[in-house]
Amino acid sequence: MRRGVPDIVESILDELQMRAGDLTAAEAAQLARCSATRFRHIFTLSAGMNFRTARQRARLEYGRELLIQTRMTVPEISAKLRYSERTKFEKAFKRLYGLTPTQYRKQFAVGTKE
């Protein structure tokens, strides 16, 4: 269990990771058996970030895994993660990891050239 995070928020964070961020706040609230407003409040206080940020991080983590483990191109990964534009994915990725997706792949992937 993450330190200081209630079980329900912990399970929602795990669900976000399993679904690569493909979970809406309304679906998460249903899983938590509370209203969307109450869920967002509990989640933000417990997780230290709002649900939207957690969802984006889960999506980018999945994108990071795809960069390392597959030969998918950056545009293909961006589309798979449902970013409307490749540049939006690249900017979000760089904000979180400090490198563009292409730089990250070159630095950390083995044998998966784009």
Protein backbone atom coordinates (compact mmCIF):
# COMPACT_ATOMS: atom_id res chain seq x y z
CA MET A 1 0.00 0.00 0.00
CA ARG A 2 1.22 3.48 -0.82
CA ARG A 3 1.91 5.42 2.33
CA GLY A 4 -1.13 7.28 3.62
CA VAL A 5 -3.39 6.29 0.71
CA PRO A 6 -6.75 4.70 1.58
CA ASP A 7 -7.48 1.27 0.10
CA ILE A 8 -10.08 2.56 -2.36
CA VAL A 9 -7.74 5.18 -3.80
CA GLU A 10 -4.98 2.58 -3.92
CA SER A 11 -7.23 0.25 -5.91
CA ILE A 12 -8.22 3.08 -8.28
CA LEU A 13 -4.54 3.92 -8.88
CA ASP A 14 -3.89 0.24 -9.62
CA GLU A 15 -6.89 0.13 -11.96
CA LEU A 16 -5.57 3.19 -13.79
CA GLN A 17 -2.25 1.42 -14.34
CA MET A 18 -3.93 -1.81 -15.49
CA ARG A 19 -6.11 0.10 -17.96
CA ALA A 20 -3.30 2.40 -19.11
CA GLY A 21 -5.28 5.41 -17.95
CA ASP A 22 -8.45 4.32 -19.73
CA LEU A 23 -10.78 4.98 -16.81
CA THR A 24 -13.05 7.98 -16.42
CA ALA A 25 -13.66 9.80 -13.16
CA ALA A 26 -17.30 8.68 -13.31
CA GLU A 27 -16.25 5.02 -13.66
CA ALA A 28 -13.76 5.42 -10.82
CA ALA A 29 -16.46 6.98 -8.63
CA GLN A 30 -18.70 3.99 -9.33
CA LEU A 31 -15.90 1.63 -8.33
CA ALA A 32 -15.42 3.67 -5.17
CA ARG A 33 -19.19 3.61 -4.56
CA CYS A 34 -19.51 7.35 -4.07
CA SER A 35 -20.49 10.43 -6.02
CA ALA A 36 -18.09 11.85 -8.59
CA THR A 37 -17.65 15.00 -6.51
CA ARG A 38 -16.88 13.07 -3.33
CA PHE A 39 -14.56 10.73 -5.22
CA ARG A 40 -12.54 13.59 -6.72
CA HIS A 41 -12.18 15.17 -3.28
CA ILE A 42 -11.06 11.94 -1.60
CA PHE A 43 -8.75 11.06 -4.48
CA THR A 44 -7.01 14.43 -4.56
CA LEU A 45 -6.50 14.52 -0.79
CA SER A 46 -5.26 10.93 -0.63
CA ALA A 47 -3.21 10.63 -3.82
CA GLY A 48 -1.67 14.09 -3.71
CA MET A 49 -2.77 14.81 -7.28
CA ASN A 50 -6.08 15.18 -9.02
CA PHE A 51 -7.63 12.31 -10.96
CA ARG A 52 -6.87 13.89 -14.33
CA THR A 53 -3.16 14.07 -13.52
CA ALA A 54 -3.13 10.46 -12.30
CA ARG A 55 -4.92 9.36 -15.45
CA GLN A 56 -2.45 11.18 -17.68
CA ARG A 57 0.51 9.70 -15.80
CA ALA A 58 -0.89 6.20 -16.27
CA ARG A 59 -1.30 6.83 -20.01
CA LEU A 60 2.24 8.18 -20.31
CA GLU A 61 3.64 5.26 -18.32
CA TYR A 62 2.01 2.91 -20.81
CA GLY A 63 3.47 4.99 -23.64
CA ARG A 64 6.89 4.74 -22.01
CA GLU A 65 6.56 0.95 -21.89
CA LEU A 66 5.56 0.85 -25.55
CA LEU A 67 8.59 2.96 -26.48
CA ILE A 68 10.92 0.55 -24.70
CA GLN A 69 9.27 -2.77 -25.53
CA THR A 70 7.91 -2.35 -29.06
CA ARG A 71 8.86 -1.05 -32.47
CA MET A 72 5.74 1.12 -32.68
CA THR A 73 6.47 4.58 -33.98
CA VAL A 74 5.86 7.66 -31.85
CA PRO A 75 2.81 8.62 -33.96
CA GLU A 76 1.40 5.09 -33.53
CA ILE A 77 1.90 5.24 -29.77
CA SER A 78 0.38 8.70 -29.64
CA ALA A 79 -2.69 7.45 -31.51
CA LYS A 80 -2.95 4.34 -29.33
CA LEU A 81 -2.99 6.56 -26.26
CA ARG A 82 -5.70 8.67 -27.94
CA TYR A 83 -3.80 11.92 -28.10
CA SER A 84 -5.40 14.12 -30.76
CA GLU A 85 -1.98 15.27 -31.95
CA ARG A 86 1.48 13.74 -31.76
CA THR A 87 2.87 17.02 -30.41
CA LYS A 88 0.50 16.91 -27.42
CA PHE A 89 1.83 13.46 -26.53
CA GLU A 90 5.42 14.59 -27.00
CA LYS A 91 4.98 17.69 -24.79
CA ALA A 92 3.21 15.75 -22.02
CA PHE A 93 5.86 13.02 -22.17
CA LYS A 94 8.71 15.51 -21.98
CA ARG A 95 7.07 17.31 -19.04
CA LEU A 96 6.91 14.04 -17.09
CA TYR A 97 10.16 12.33 -18.13
CA GLY A 98 12.39 15.23 -19.15
CA LEU A 99 13.03 13.77 -22.60
CA THR A 100 11.04 13.58 -25.82
CA PRO A 101 9.69 10.10 -26.65
CA THR A 102 12.34 9.71 -29.36
CA GLN A 103 15.15 10.72 -26.98
CA TYR A 104 13.77 8.39 -24.31
CA ARG A 105 13.67 5.46 -26.73
CA LYS A 106 17.24 6.11 -27.90
CA GLN A 107 18.46 6.26 -24.31
CA PHE A 108 16.57 3.35 -22.76
CA ALA A 109 15.35 0.92 -25.45
CA VAL A 110 17.47 -1.91 -26.75
CA GLY A 111 17.08 -2.90 -30.39
CA THR A 112 13.83 -1.00 -31.07
CA LYS A 113 14.88 1.73 -33.47
CA GLU A 114 12.13 3.89 -34.88
